């Protein structure tokens, strides 16, 4: 076993943290990912052109896949993505969002791409 190997306890904790962070059901997240607001927000790469799919939108599609898997089907890449999602959601929630109109903010839409609706 290498130092980087994930233990069952690690996987259990990541799964718990992921379940706490991702508060949107797969179908709900898919509906949002189809919206113009979802496609408009987020970082779209280092080329500076702002074209293509954002990192958050890609993550949202991956979250839907992960949430539809059985626990036994999850692999280390899935757990690594789940951990990334938890980190993103926690960092962005800590920012607190805009003082006005959180309902229609890029801050909220970006979090929703990552499976978390801060208004729930």
C-alpha atoms as a PDB file:
ATOM      1  CA  UNK A   1       0.000   0.000   0.000  1.00  0.00           C
ATOM      2  CA  UNK A   2       1.401   3.396  -0.967  1.00  0.00           C
ATOM      3  CA  UNK A   3       1.171   6.529   1.123  1.00  0.00           C
ATOM      4  CA  UNK A   4      -1.407   7.917  -1.319  1.00  0.00           C
ATOM      5  CA  UNK A   5      -3.738   4.926  -1.161  1.00  0.00           C
ATOM      6  CA  UNK A   6      -7.231   5.739   0.004  1.00  0.00           C
ATOM      7  CA  UNK A   7      -8.524   3.752   2.965  1.00  0.00           C
ATOM      8  CA  UNK A   8     -12.129   2.684   3.429  1.00  0.00           C
ATOM      9  CA  UNK A   9     -12.361   5.287   6.203  1.00  0.00           C
ATOM     10  CA  UNK A  10     -11.139   7.973   3.753  1.00  0.00           C
ATOM     11  CA  UNK A  11     -13.765   6.906   1.211  1.00  0.00           C
ATOM     12  CA  UNK A  12     -16.507   6.911   3.854  1.00  0.00           C
ATOM     13  CA  UNK A  13     -15.569  10.422   5.002  1.00  0.00           C
ATOM     14  CA  UNK A  14     -15.357  11.754   1.441  1.00  0.00           C
ATOM     15  CA  UNK A  15     -18.755  10.197   0.623  1.00  0.00           C
ATOM     16  CA  UNK A  16     -20.297  11.780   3.739  1.00  0.00           C
ATOM     17  CA  UNK A  17     -18.792  15.203   2.987  1.00  0.00           C
ATOM     18  CA  UNK A  18     -19.925  14.925  -0.647  1.00  0.00           C
ATOM     19  CA  UNK A  19     -23.477  14.021   0.403  1.00  0.00           C
ATOM     20  CA  UNK A  20     -23.517  17.074   2.706  1.00  0.00           C
ATOM     21  CA  UNK A  21     -22.111  19.430   0.031  1.00  0.00           C
ATOM     22  CA  UNK A  22     -24.181  18.253  -2.939  1.00  0.00           C
ATOM     23  CA  UNK A  23     -27.764  19.106  -2.073  1.00  0.00           C
ATOM     24  CA  UNK A  24     -29.235  18.808  -5.581  1.00  0.00           C
ATOM     25  CA  UNK A  25     -30.736  15.570  -6.901  1.00  0.00           C
ATOM     26  CA  UNK A  26     -29.327  14.257 -10.193  1.00  0.00           C
ATOM     27  CA  UNK A  27     -32.441  15.178 -12.219  1.00  0.00           C
ATOM     28  CA  UNK A  28     -32.540  18.658 -10.637  1.00  0.00           C
ATOM     29  CA  UNK A  29     -28.858  19.205 -11.420  1.00  0.00           C
ATOM     30  CA  UNK A  30     -29.335  17.987 -15.003  1.00  0.00           C
ATOM     31  CA  UNK A  31     -32.197  20.457 -15.517  1.00  0.00           C
ATOM     32  CA  UNK A  32     -30.008  23.275 -14.229  1.00  0.00           C
ATOM     33  CA  UNK A  33     -27.044  22.208 -16.398  1.00  0.00           C
ATOM     34  CA  UNK A  34     -29.325  22.577 -19.443  1.00  0.00           C
ATOM     35  CA  UNK A  35     -30.100  26.206 -18.567  1.00  0.00           C
ATOM     36  CA  UNK A  36     -28.484  29.278 -20.115  1.00  0.00           C
ATOM     37  CA  UNK A  37     -27.485  30.488 -16.631  1.00  0.00           C
ATOM     38  CA  UNK A  38     -25.536  27.286 -16.005  1.00  0.00           C
ATOM     39  CA  UNK A  39     -23.739  27.462 -19.340  1.00  0.00           C
ATOM     40  CA  UNK A  40     -22.942  31.173 -18.959  1.00  0.00           C
ATOM     41  CA  UNK A  41     -21.083  31.110 -15.632  1.00  0.00           C
ATOM     42  CA  UNK A  42     -17.754  29.672 -14.629  1.00  0.00           C
ATOM     43  CA  UNK A  43     -14.133  29.476 -15.676  1.00  0.00           C
ATOM     44  CA  UNK A  44     -13.713  28.259 -19.240  1.00  0.00           C
ATOM     45  CA  UNK A  45      -9.978  27.644 -19.406  1.00  0.00           C
ATOM     46  CA  UNK A  46      -6.724  29.459 -19.674  1.00  0.00           C
ATOM     47  CA  UNK A  47      -7.014  30.501 -23.313  1.00  0.00           C
ATOM     48  CA  UNK A  48      -8.862  33.621 -22.179  1.00  0.00           C
ATOM     49  CA  UNK A  49     -11.449  33.285 -24.926  1.00  0.00           C
ATOM     50  CA  UNK A  50     -14.211  32.164 -22.571  1.00  0.00           C
ATOM     51  CA  UNK A  51     -15.515  29.617 -25.066  1.00  0.00           C
ATOM     52  CA  UNK A  52     -16.555  26.044 -24.495  1.00  0.00           C
ATOM     53  CA  UNK A  53     -17.748  24.342 -21.366  1.00  0.00           C
ATOM     54  CA  UNK A  54     -16.768  25.696 -17.966  1.00  0.00           C
ATOM     55  CA  UNK A  55     -14.947  23.583 -15.406  1.00  0.00           C
ATOM     56  CA  UNK A  56     -18.005  23.762 -13.138  1.00  0.00           C
ATOM     57  CA  UNK A  57     -20.356  22.622 -15.894  1.00  0.00           C
ATOM     58  CA  UNK A  58     -18.096  19.629 -16.602  1.00  0.00           C
ATOM     59  CA  UNK A  59     -18.029  18.924 -12.874  1.00  0.00           C
ATOM     60  CA  UNK A  60     -21.819  19.027 -12.716  1.00  0.00           C
ATOM     61  CA  UNK A  61     -22.089  16.359 -15.405  1.00  0.00           C
ATOM     62  CA  UNK A  62     -19.585  14.215 -13.482  1.00  0.00           C
ATOM     63  CA  UNK A  63     -21.513  14.731 -10.226  1.00  0.00           C
ATOM     64  CA  UNK A  64     -24.682  13.411 -11.896  1.00  0.00           C
ATOM     65  CA  UNK A  65     -22.763  10.294 -12.992  1.00  0.00           C
ATOM     66  CA  UNK A  66     -21.315   9.778  -9.508  1.00  0.00           C
ATOM     67  CA  UNK A  67     -24.675  10.228  -7.767  1.00  0.00           C
ATOM     68  CA  UNK A  68     -26.245   7.629 -10.042  1.00  0.00           C
ATOM     69  CA  UNK A  69     -23.609   4.992  -9.230  1.00  0.00           C
ATOM     70  CA  UNK A  70     -23.889   2.451  -6.466  1.00  0.00           C
ATOM     71  CA  UNK A  71     -21.250   2.785  -3.747  1.00  0.00           C
ATOM     72  CA  UNK A  72     -19.529  -0.411  -4.922  1.00  0.00           C
ATOM     73  CA  UNK A  73     -19.175   1.086  -8.427  1.00  0.00           C
ATOM     74  CA  UNK A  74     -17.262   4.169  -7.253  1.00  0.00           C
ATOM     75  CA  UNK A  75     -13.541   4.213  -8.043  1.00  0.00           C
ATOM     76  CA  UNK A  76     -10.633   6.302  -6.764  1.00  0.00           C
ATOM     77  CA  UNK A  77     -11.129   8.871  -9.552  1.00  0.00           C
ATOM     78  CA  UNK A  78     -14.743   9.285  -8.436  1.00  0.00           C
ATOM     79  CA  UNK A  79     -13.653   9.813  -4.842  1.00  0.00           C
ATOM     80  CA  UNK A  80     -10.984  12.302  -5.957  1.00  0.00           C
ATOM     81  CA  UNK A  81     -13.652  14.284  -7.833  1.00  0.00           C
ATOM     82  CA  UNK A  82     -16.013  14.096  -4.859  1.00  0.00           C
ATOM     83  CA  UNK A  83     -13.245  15.554  -2.675  1.00  0.00           C
ATOM     84  CA  UNK A  84     -12.659  18.339  -5.237  1.00  0.00           C
ATOM     85  CA  UNK A  85     -16.391  19.154  -5.225  1.00  0.00           C
ATOM     86  CA  UNK A  86     -16.458  19.393  -1.422  1.00  0.00           C
ATOM     87  CA  UNK A  87     -13.477  21.769  -1.459  1.00  0.00           C
ATOM     88  CA  UNK A  88     -15.035  23.974  -4.137  1.00  0.00           C
ATOM     89  CA  UNK A  89     -18.408  24.190  -2.389  1.00  0.00           C
ATOM     90  CA  UNK A  90     -16.829  25.015   0.984  1.00  0.00           C
ATOM     91  CA  UNK A  91     -14.551  27.715  -0.492  1.00  0.00           C
ATOM     92  CA  UNK A  92     -17.358  29.403  -2.395  1.00  0.00           C
ATOM     93  CA  UNK A  93     -19.827  29.248   0.468  1.00  0.00           C
ATOM     94  CA  UNK A  94     -17.197  30.936   2.647  1.00  0.00           C
ATOM     95  CA  UNK A  95     -17.236  33.883   0.213  1.00  0.00           C
ATOM     96  CA  UNK A  96     -20.834  34.507   1.265  1.00  0.00           C
ATOM     97  CA  UNK A  97     -22.085  35.619  -2.130  1.00  0.00           C
ATOM     98  CA  UNK A  98     -23.482  39.006  -3.099  1.00  0.00           C
ATOM     99  CA  UNK A  99     -25.312  41.178  -0.596  1.00  0.00           C
ATOM    100  CA  UNK A 100     -28.237  41.627  -3.005  1.00  0.00           C
ATOM    101  CA  UNK A 101     -30.129  39.237  -5.269  1.00  0.00           C
ATOM    102  CA  UNK A 102     -28.384  35.999  -4.319  1.00  0.00           C
ATOM    103  CA  UNK A 103     -31.252  34.195  -6.083  1.00  0.00           C
ATOM    104  CA  UNK A 104     -30.064  35.327  -9.529  1.00  0.00           C
ATOM    105  CA  UNK A 105     -26.336  35.684  -8.918  1.00  0.00           C
ATOM    106  CA  UNK A 106     -23.410  34.165 -10.776  1.00  0.00           C
ATOM    107  CA  UNK A 107     -22.170  33.070  -7.330  1.00  0.00           C
ATOM    108  CA  UNK A 108     -25.283  30.905  -6.842  1.00  0.00           C
ATOM    109  CA  UNK A 109     -25.286  29.596 -10.407  1.00  0.00           C
ATOM    110  CA  UNK A 110     -21.625  28.625 -10.142  1.00  0.00           C
ATOM    111  CA  UNK A 111     -22.295  26.700  -6.929  1.00  0.00           C
ATOM    112  CA  UNK A 112     -25.276  25.019  -8.562  1.00  0.00           C
ATOM    113  CA  UNK A 113     -23.028  23.798 -11.393  1.00  0.00           C
ATOM    114  CA  UNK A 114     -21.119  22.014  -8.617  1.00  0.00           C
ATOM    115  CA  UNK A 115     -24.337  20.476  -7.251  1.00  0.00           C
ATOM    116  CA  UNK A 116     -25.000  22.872  -4.377  1.00  0.00           C
ATOM    117  CA  UNK A 117     -27.927  25.292  -4.236  1.00  0.00           C
ATOM    118  CA  UNK A 118     -27.083  27.757  -1.439  1.00  0.00           C
ATOM    119  CA  UNK A 119     -30.749  28.772  -1.141  1.00  0.00           C
ATOM    120  CA  UNK A 120     -31.869  25.298  -0.043  1.00  0.00           C
END
